[in-house]
Amino acid sequence: MLKTKVGYSVDVDSFTSGKETATKAMEGYINPKAALLYGSCKYNSDELLKGAKSVIGTLPIIGCTSSGSLIVSEGIITSENGFSGMMILDDEDTKVVTSGMERGNDPRETGRNIAVEAIKKAGSKIRPSYFYMVASPAEEEQYLKGIQDVIGRVPFFGGSCADDTVNAEWKIYCDDKTFTDGCAVLFIYTNKKIVTEYTGAYEETSDRGIITKLDGKRTLAEIDGIPALQRYAEWTGTTVDKLQGMDLLSASILSPLGIKDPLGDLTLIRHPMVGNEDNTMNVGNNLEIGTAIIRMETTVEGLIKSTKDTLEKANKSLDVKPGGYFLVHCGGRKLGIKDRMEEVYQNLKEVAGDIPFMTIFTFGEYGYTNHSANSCGGLMLSFTAFGE
């Protein structure tokens, strides 16, 4: 039977917080299989990890910094001095291995090396049933391609590391190391059912066009031959001077852009983040020339309601008793919800009941829908349910 348990702490000391979190999460467990650890960027991440490992020993551990807070069954976990949380996975029939590396010269090659190392640790040529990935923002798609070069299309879930101010103060944790730029995975070998509900939960508008010019993969230069920021300003009824710099990030939370997967089952959200003086815009994930891009929209109420709807859909897809939930929620959505995050907690608690859950806040979310490819997006929810 797959079980989960969550511990947390807001102690001011990084090492003590890690130790307290791990102690609470491990209470009553004899043979846990893995620990998922999340903490504040205000902590010393090396000390946080040491504190956790002083309790869990050599148990595989993976995680990252979470933006601003965590949400667990008991409520929202946050503090001006820092916070941490851990979810333990336990099941006698499940095997897990971790692997993580800093970026290196080529993120796709690094992804391959990470996957090869994980397979060696597993001691099996059978590919995993499911995997969790965490990466630094910017090159998630390349890490994913490298991993899939080795193991093929195995369903995955997860999200990027994040900080509180989009200032690259994030960290990834994997076993005995922490790093800022790179990727880590948890390969899961199990006969238990795991499902992920992956969605932006936005509505499409009639505003849409073709990407006609890019600068790299993540700077949108033109839509239908018109400067991208100008076109977006026209669509949203504003002016480009109000979308300059980081003003675009907050202005686009309720009205981001989206691209459809080839089957039409999944709309991946692309978050406009920085408005540039040349009327281009930096976005949070990769784009391709010739792709149709759609303006999406929602309300604050829609952002809040989507958490309940998405967890209910995950439960329906699971169709067996859940043993725990791992919920990846975009930090940008949290920014849009502002002081109404307590309503999000109430939504999650209402659906989860007494089943443990861990909610982290990321700058990128990963998942799939139906027969879509594994994908990376922003301003999305990636809600995973573990069958008991």
Protein backbone atom coordinates (compact mmCIF):
# COMPACT_ATOMS: atom_id res chain seq x y z
CA MET A 1 0.00 0.00 0.00
CA LEU A 2 1.45 3.37 -1.01
CA LYS A 3 1.37 5.89 1.81
CA THR A 4 2.56 9.47 2.15
CA LYS A 5 3.25 11.74 5.08
CA VAL A 6 4.13 15.43 5.28
CA GLY A 7 6.24 17.35 7.77
CA TYR A 8 7.06 21.05 7.89
CA SER A 9 8.81 23.75 9.91
CA VAL A 10 9.24 27.53 10.05
CA ASP A 11 12.22 27.56 12.38
CA VAL A 12 14.52 30.51 11.75
CA ASP A 13 17.59 28.25 11.52
CA SER A 14 18.04 26.42 8.21
CA PHE A 15 19.55 23.23 9.66
CA THR A 16 16.96 23.04 12.44
CA SER A 17 14.11 23.58 10.00
CA GLY A 18 15.33 20.72 7.82
CA LYS A 19 15.73 18.47 10.84
CA GLU A 20 12.29 19.30 12.26
CA THR A 21 10.61 18.85 8.88
CA ALA A 22 12.22 15.46 8.30
CA THR A 23 11.50 14.29 11.85
CA LYS A 24 7.78 15.05 11.48
CA ALA A 25 7.60 13.50 8.01
CA MET A 26 9.39 10.31 9.10
CA GLU A 27 7.42 9.78 12.29
CA GLY A 28 5.99 6.26 12.31
CA TYR A 29 7.76 5.15 9.13
CA ILE A 30 9.97 2.06 9.10
CA ASN A 31 10.80 1.61 5.41
CA PRO A 32 10.21 4.87 3.47
CA LYS A 33 11.37 4.97 -0.16
CA ALA A 34 11.94 8.66 -0.95
CA ALA A 35 11.75 12.17 0.46
CA LEU A 36 10.57 15.22 -1.49
CA LEU A 37 11.96 18.34 0.21
CA TYR A 38 10.98 21.98 -0.40
CA GLY A 39 12.18 25.13 1.27
CA SER A 40 12.45 28.88 1.22
CA CYS A 41 15.14 30.71 -0.74
CA LYS A 42 15.74 32.68 2.47
CA TYR A 43 17.33 29.59 4.00
CA ASN A 44 20.86 28.35 3.49
CA SER A 45 19.90 25.45 1.22
CA ASP A 46 23.01 23.40 2.04
CA GLU A 47 22.21 23.62 5.75
CA LEU A 48 18.54 22.83 5.17
CA LEU A 49 19.52 19.69 3.27
CA LYS A 50 22.04 18.69 5.94
CA GLY A 51 19.38 19.07 8.60
CA ALA A 52 16.98 16.85 6.67
CA LYS A 53 19.66 14.23 5.97
CA SER A 54 20.62 14.11 9.65
CA VAL A 55 17.25 12.40 10.08
CA ILE A 56 16.67 10.46 6.85
CA GLY A 57 20.25 9.29 6.31
CA THR A 58 20.79 7.79 2.85
CA LEU A 59 17.13 7.86 1.81
CA PRO A 60 16.84 9.28 -1.74
CA ILE A 61 15.94 12.96 -1.49
CA ILE A 62 14.98 15.50 -4.14
CA GLY A 63 13.32 18.91 -4.23
CA CYS A 64 13.86 22.62 -4.60
CA THR A 65 13.04 26.07 -3.31
CA SER A 66 9.37 27.05 -3.47
CA SER A 67 8.19 30.61 -4.12
CA GLY A 68 6.93 32.26 -0.94
CA SER A 69 5.18 29.36 0.77
CA LEU A 70 3.91 25.79 0.74
CA ILE A 71 0.40 24.46 1.33
CA VAL A 72 -0.17 21.24 3.27
CA SER A 73 -3.14 19.61 4.96
CA GLU A 74 -2.77 21.83 8.02
CA GLY A 75 -2.68 25.10 6.07
CA ILE A 76 -0.36 27.59 4.38
CA ILE A 77 3.24 27.25 5.57
CA THR A 78 5.21 30.48 5.32
CA SER A 79 7.34 32.84 7.40
CA GLU A 80 9.44 35.95 6.92
CA ASN A 81 12.37 33.90 8.18
CA GLY A 82 11.84 30.88 5.93
CA PHE A 83 9.93 27.59 5.77
CA SER A 84 10.40 23.99 4.72
CA GLY A 85 8.27 20.95 4.02
CA MET A 86 8.82 17.30 3.15
CA MET A 87 6.65 14.54 1.71
CA ILE A 88 7.67 10.93 2.35
CA LEU A 89 6.70 8.20 -0.13
CA ASP A 90 6.35 4.69 1.31
CA ASP A 91 5.34 1.48 -0.43
CA GLU A 92 6.92 -1.95 -0.17
CA ASP A 93 6.23 -2.65 -3.86
CA THR A 94 7.67 0.62 -5.15
CA LYS A 95 11.29 1.36 -6.03
CA VAL A 96 12.66 4.88 -6.52
CA VAL A 97 16.02 6.35 -7.51
CA THR A 98 17.24 9.93 -7.75
CA SER A 99 19.79 11.59 -10.01
CA GLY A 100 20.74 15.22 -10.50
CA MET A 101 23.46 17.27 -12.16
CA GLU A 102 24.43 20.87 -12.80
CA ARG A 103 23.84 22.19 -16.31
CA GLY A 104 27.20 21.53 -17.97
CA ASN A 105 27.78 22.68 -21.55
CA ASP A 106 24.65 21.16 -23.10
CA PRO A 107 21.41 20.72 -21.10
CA ARG A 108 20.13 17.98 -23.42
CA GLU A 109 23.32 15.98 -22.92
CA THR A 110 23.06 16.63 -19.19
CA GLY A 111 19.52 15.24 -19.30
CA ARG A 112 20.84 12.08 -20.94
CA ASN A 113 23.56 11.73 -18.30
CA ILE A 114 21.03 12.21 -15.50
CA ALA A 115 18.81 9.47 -16.92
CA VAL A 116 21.71 7.06 -17.43
CA GLU A 117 22.87 7.58 -13.85
CA ALA A 118 19.36 6.97 -12.51
CA ILE A 119 19.05 3.74 -14.50
CA LYS A 120 22.40 2.53 -13.18
CA LYS A 121 21.24 3.21 -9.64
CA ALA A 122 18.04 1.29 -10.30
CA GLY A 123 20.05 -1.69 -11.53
CA SER A 124 17.42 -2.46 -14.15
CA LYS A 125 17.05 -2.02 -17.89
CA ILE A 126 13.30 -1.61 -17.45
CA ARG A 127 12.27 1.99 -17.83
CA PRO A 128 10.47 3.64 -14.89
CA SER A 129 6.69 3.73 -14.58
CA TYR A 130 6.63 7.45 -13.90
CA PHE A 131 9.13 10.18 -13.14
CA TYR A 132 9.36 13.51 -11.34
CA MET A 133 11.56 16.29 -12.71
CA VAL A 134 12.79 19.56 -11.25
CA ALA A 135 14.93 21.97 -13.25
CA SER A 136 16.10 25.56 -13.19
CA PRO A 137 13.95 27.95 -15.26
CA ALA A 138 15.04 28.55 -18.88
CA GLU A 139 15.97 25.18 -20.41
CA GLU A 140 13.46 22.68 -19.05
CA GLU A 141 12.51 21.41 -22.50
CA GLN A 142 16.12 20.51 -23.31
CA TYR A 143 16.60 18.56 -20.08
CA LEU A 144 13.35 16.72 -20.79
CA LYS A 145 14.44 15.83 -24.32
CA GLY A 146 17.71 14.43 -23.01
CA ILE A 147 15.97 12.30 -20.40
CA GLN A 148 13.54 10.98 -23.01
CA ASP A 149 16.42 10.24 -25.40
CA VAL A 150 17.29 7.52 -22.86
CA ILE A 151 13.98 6.26 -21.44
CA GLY A 152 11.46 7.22 -24.11
CA ARG A 153 8.06 8.72 -23.42
CA VAL A 154 7.41 7.91 -19.76
CA PRO A 155 4.71 10.09 -18.12
CA PHE A 156 6.12 12.73 -15.81
CA PHE A 157 5.19 15.51 -13.41
CA GLY A 158 6.94 18.31 -11.55
CA GLY A 159 8.00 21.91 -11.83
CA SER A 160 10.93 24.28 -11.77
CA CYS A 161 12.69 25.66 -8.76
CA ALA A 162 11.61 29.17 -7.80
CA ASP A 163 12.43 32.06 -5.49
CA ASP A 164 10.46 35.00 -4.10
CA THR A 165 11.57 37.75 -6.50
CA VAL A 166 12.54 36.14 -9.85
CA ASN A 167 16.15 36.92 -9.00
CA ALA A 168 17.81 33.50 -9.53
CA GLU A 169 17.98 32.82 -5.79
CA TRP A 170 16.44 29.39 -6.35
CA LYS A 171 18.07 26.03 -5.62
CA ILE A 172 17.61 22.39 -6.59
CA TYR A 173 18.21 19.70 -3.94
CA CYS A 174 19.30 16.20 -4.88
CA ASP A 175 20.75 13.68 -2.43
CA ASP A 176 23.82 15.38 -0.88
CA LYS A 177 24.09 18.46 -3.12
CA THR A 178 22.33 21.70 -3.99
CA PHE A 179 22.79 23.79 -7.14
CA THR A 180 21.21 26.74 -8.95
CA ASP A 181 21.41 25.74 -12.60
CA GLY A 182 20.64 22.16 -13.61
CA CYS A 183 18.12 19.34 -13.34
CA ALA A 184 17.23 16.37 -11.12
CA VAL A 185 14.84 13.44 -11.43
CA LEU A 186 13.08 10.86 -9.29
CA PHE A 187 12.42 7.67 -11.25
CA ILE A 188 9.49 5.66 -9.85
CA TYR A 189 9.14 1.93 -10.49
CA THR A 190 5.72 0.85 -9.24
CA ASN A 191 2.58 -1.16 -9.91
CA LYS A 192 0.49 1.55 -8.25
CA LYS A 193 -1.58 3.93 -10.35
CA ILE A 194 -0.30 7.52 -10.65
CA VAL A 195 -2.13 10.23 -12.59
CA THR A 196 -1.42 13.88 -13.31
CA GLU A 197 -3.99 16.52 -14.18
CA TYR A 198 -2.13 19.19 -16.13
CA THR A 199 -3.94 22.38 -17.09
CA GLY A 200 -3.88 26.14 -17.29
CA ALA A 201 -7.65 26.27 -16.77
CA TYR A 202 -7.91 29.42 -18.89
CA GLU A 203 -10.56 30.18 -21.51
CA GLU A 204 -9.64 30.85 -25.12
CA THR A 205 -10.47 34.23 -26.67
CA SER A 206 -10.91 35.11 -30.34
CA ASP A 207 -7.58 36.96 -30.26
CA ARG A 208 -5.08 34.77 -32.07
CA GLY A 209 -2.34 34.96 -34.65
CA ILE A 210 0.70 33.25 -36.13
CA ILE A 211 4.16 33.57 -34.64
CA THR A 212 6.19 35.08 -37.49
CA LYS A 213 9.43 36.03 -35.73
CA LEU A 214 11.35 34.86 -32.68
CA ASP A 215 14.66 35.77 -31.12
CA GLY A 216 15.84 32.42 -29.81
CA LYS A 217 13.16 30.20 -28.31
CA ARG A 218 11.73 32.47 -25.62
CA THR A 219 11.62 35.99 -27.06
CA LEU A 220 8.46 36.56 -29.08
CA ALA A 221 9.26 39.24 -31.65
CA GLU A 222 6.30 39.30 -34.05
CA ILE A 223 2.74 37.99 -34.34
CA ASP A 224 1.34 38.19 -37.88
CA GLY A 225 4.29 40.40 -38.79
CA ILE A 226 3.38 42.94 -36.07
CA PRO A 227 5.67 43.59 -33.06
CA ALA A 228 4.49 41.14 -30.39
CA LEU A 229 4.13 43.63 -27.55
CA GLN A 230 2.13 45.97 -29.82
CA ARG A 231 -0.19 43.15 -30.85
CA TYR A 232 -0.66 42.03 -27.23
CA ALA A 233 -1.42 45.63 -26.18
CA GLU A 234 -4.06 45.84 -28.92
CA TRP A 235 -5.62 42.57 -27.81
CA THR A 236 -5.78 43.64 -24.16
CA GLY A 237 -6.89 47.24 -24.76
CA THR A 238 -3.82 48.92 -23.33
CA THR A 239 -0.62 50.59 -24.55
CA VAL A 240 2.92 49.24 -24.86
CA ASP A 241 4.29 51.76 -22.38
CA LYS A 242 2.20 50.07 -19.66
CA LEU A 243 3.71 46.68 -20.51
CA GLN A 244 7.39 47.53 -20.32
CA GLY A 245 9.84 45.54 -18.22
CA MET A 246 8.41 43.37 -15.46
CA ASP A 247 5.08 45.23 -15.64
CA LEU A 248 4.16 42.73 -18.34
CA LEU A 249 4.51 39.78 -15.97
CA SER A 250 1.78 40.92 -13.57
CA ALA A 251 -0.38 42.42 -16.35
CA SER A 252 -0.56 39.09 -18.18
CA ILE A 253 -1.42 36.72 -15.31
CA LEU A 254 -5.14 36.90 -16.07
CA SER A 255 -4.54 37.13 -19.82
CA PRO A 256 -1.54 35.06 -20.93
CA LEU A 257 -0.88 33.38 -24.27
CA GLY A 258 -1.46 29.74 -25.19
CA ILE A 259 -0.45 27.20 -27.82
CA LYS A 260 -2.34 23.99 -28.60
CA ASP A 261 -0.75 20.56 -28.74
CA PRO A 262 -1.27 18.73 -32.09
CA LEU A 263 -4.19 16.68 -30.76
CA GLY A 264 -5.99 19.72 -29.36
CA ASP A 265 -6.42 18.20 -25.88
CA LEU A 266 -3.88 20.44 -24.16
CA THR A 267 -3.32 24.18 -24.33
CA LEU A 268 0.11 25.05 -22.98
CA ILE A 269 0.27 28.45 -21.33
CA ARG A 270 3.06 30.81 -22.32
CA HIS A 271 3.48 33.56 -19.74
CA PRO A 272 4.56 36.96 -21.15
CA MET A 273 7.11 38.08 -18.59
CA VAL A 274 9.22 41.03 -19.77
CA GLY A 275 8.26 43.76 -22.20
CA ASN A 276 11.29 44.99 -24.16
CA GLU A 277 11.94 48.45 -25.61
CA ASP A 278 11.91 47.03 -29.15
CA ASN A 279 8.35 45.77 -28.56
CA THR A 280 9.39 42.15 -28.26
CA MET A 281 8.44 40.14 -25.17
CA ASN A 282 10.23 37.47 -23.18
CA VAL A 283 8.05 34.48 -22.38
CA GLY A 284 8.45 31.68 -19.86
CA ASN A 285 8.71 28.69 -22.23
CA ASN A 286 9.73 27.76 -25.74
CA LEU A 287 7.91 28.85 -28.88
CA GLU A 288 8.19 27.98 -32.59
CA ILE A 289 7.75 30.12 -35.71
CA GLY A 290 4.60 29.25 -37.65
CA THR A 291 2.65 28.23 -34.56
CA ALA A 292 -0.75 29.72 -33.80
CA ILE A 293 -0.78 31.60 -30.51
CA ILE A 294 -3.98 32.45 -28.63
CA ARG A 295 -4.77 35.04 -25.99
CA MET A 296 -6.23 33.25 -22.98
CA GLU A 297 -8.15 34.76 -20.09
CA THR A 298 -9.58 34.11 -16.65
CA THR A 299 -10.45 35.94 -13.43
CA VAL A 300 -9.04 35.78 -9.93
CA GLU A 301 -12.10 33.73 -9.03
CA GLY A 302 -11.24 31.43 -11.91
CA LEU A 303 -7.68 30.96 -10.65
CA ILE A 304 -9.01 30.02 -7.22
CA LYS A 305 -11.78 27.73 -8.46
CA SER A 306 -9.40 25.90 -10.79
CA THR A 307 -7.53 24.37 -7.85
CA LYS A 308 -10.63 22.53 -6.64
CA ASP A 309 -11.70 21.54 -10.15
CA THR A 310 -8.25 20.21 -11.05
CA LEU A 311 -7.86 18.11 -7.92
CA GLU A 312 -11.35 16.68 -8.42
CA LYS A 313 -10.41 15.73 -12.00
CA ALA A 314 -7.24 14.05 -10.76
CA ASN A 315 -9.30 12.02 -8.30
CA LYS A 316 -11.71 11.00 -11.04
CA SER A 317 -8.84 9.91 -13.30
CA LEU A 318 -7.19 7.96 -10.48
CA ASP A 319 -10.34 5.95 -9.83
CA VAL A 320 -8.81 4.24 -6.77
CA LYS A 321 -8.27 5.43 -3.22
CA PRO A 322 -5.48 8.03 -3.17
CA GLY A 323 -2.49 7.63 -0.89
CA GLY A 324 -1.34 11.21 -1.32
CA TYR A 325 -1.24 14.24 -3.59
CA PHE A 326 1.70 16.21 -4.93
CA LEU A 327 0.43 19.55 -6.21
CA VAL A 328 2.51 21.91 -8.37
CA HIS A 329 0.97 25.40 -8.51
CA CYS A 330 2.50 28.23 -10.50
CA GLY A 331 3.97 31.04 -8.42
CA GLY A 332 2.61 33.54 -10.94
CA ARG A 333 -0.94 32.31 -10.32
CA LYS A 334 -0.31 32.83 -6.62
CA LEU A 335 0.81 36.38 -7.38
CA GLY A 336 -2.48 36.96 -9.20
CA ILE A 337 -4.55 35.49 -6.37
CA LYS A 338 -2.75 37.73 -3.84
CA ASP A 339 -4.34 37.76 -0.38
CA ARG A 340 -6.99 35.16 -1.24
CA MET A 341 -4.69 32.13 -1.02
CA GLU A 342 -6.59 30.91 2.04
CA GLU A 343 -9.45 30.14 -0.34
CA VAL A 344 -7.09 27.95 -2.37
CA TYR A 345 -6.17 26.06 0.79
CA GLN A 346 -9.83 25.55 1.64
CA ASN A 347 -10.47 24.22 -1.88
CA LEU A 348 -7.61 21.73 -1.67
CA LYS A 349 -8.52 20.62 1.84
CA GLU A 350 -12.16 20.12 0.88
CA VAL A 351 -11.22 17.72 -1.91
CA ALA A 352 -8.26 16.01 -0.21
CA GLY A 353 -9.94 15.49 3.15
CA ASP A 354 -7.61 13.50 5.39
CA ILE A 355 -5.30 12.44 2.51
CA PRO A 356 -1.86 14.10 2.89
CA PHE A 357 -0.86 16.65 0.26
CA MET A 358 2.10 18.89 -0.51
CA THR A 359 1.66 22.02 -2.64
CA ILE A 360 4.71 23.82 -4.02
CA PHE A 361 4.96 27.08 -5.99
CA THR A 362 7.09 27.04 -9.12
CA PHE A 363 8.16 29.18 -12.09
CA GLY A 364 7.36 26.39 -14.56
CA GLU A 365 5.04 23.38 -14.46
CA TYR A 366 5.39 20.00 -16.16
CA GLY A 367 2.94 17.33 -17.19
CA TYR A 368 0.80 15.80 -19.96
CA THR A 369 -2.85 15.19 -20.86
CA ASN A 370 -4.34 12.09 -22.46
CA HIS A 371 -1.99 11.18 -25.33
CA SER A 372 -0.14 14.49 -25.45
CA ALA A 373 3.63 14.64 -25.20
CA ASN A 374 5.29 15.44 -21.91
CA SER A 375 5.36 19.23 -21.87
CA CYS A 376 6.54 22.29 -19.96
CA GLY A 377 4.45 25.39 -19.39
CA GLY A 378 3.91 28.36 -17.12
CA LEU A 379 0.94 29.72 -15.18
CA MET A 380 -0.29 26.12 -14.96
CA LEU A 381 -1.28 23.47 -12.46
CA SER A 382 0.30 20.01 -12.39
CA PHE A 383 -1.68 18.01 -9.80
CA THR A 384 -0.51 14.44 -9.24
CA ALA A 385 -2.42 11.78 -7.32
CA PHE A 386 -0.77 8.60 -6.06
CA GLY A 387 -2.98 5.53 -5.90
CA GLU A 388 -2.86 3.75 -2.55
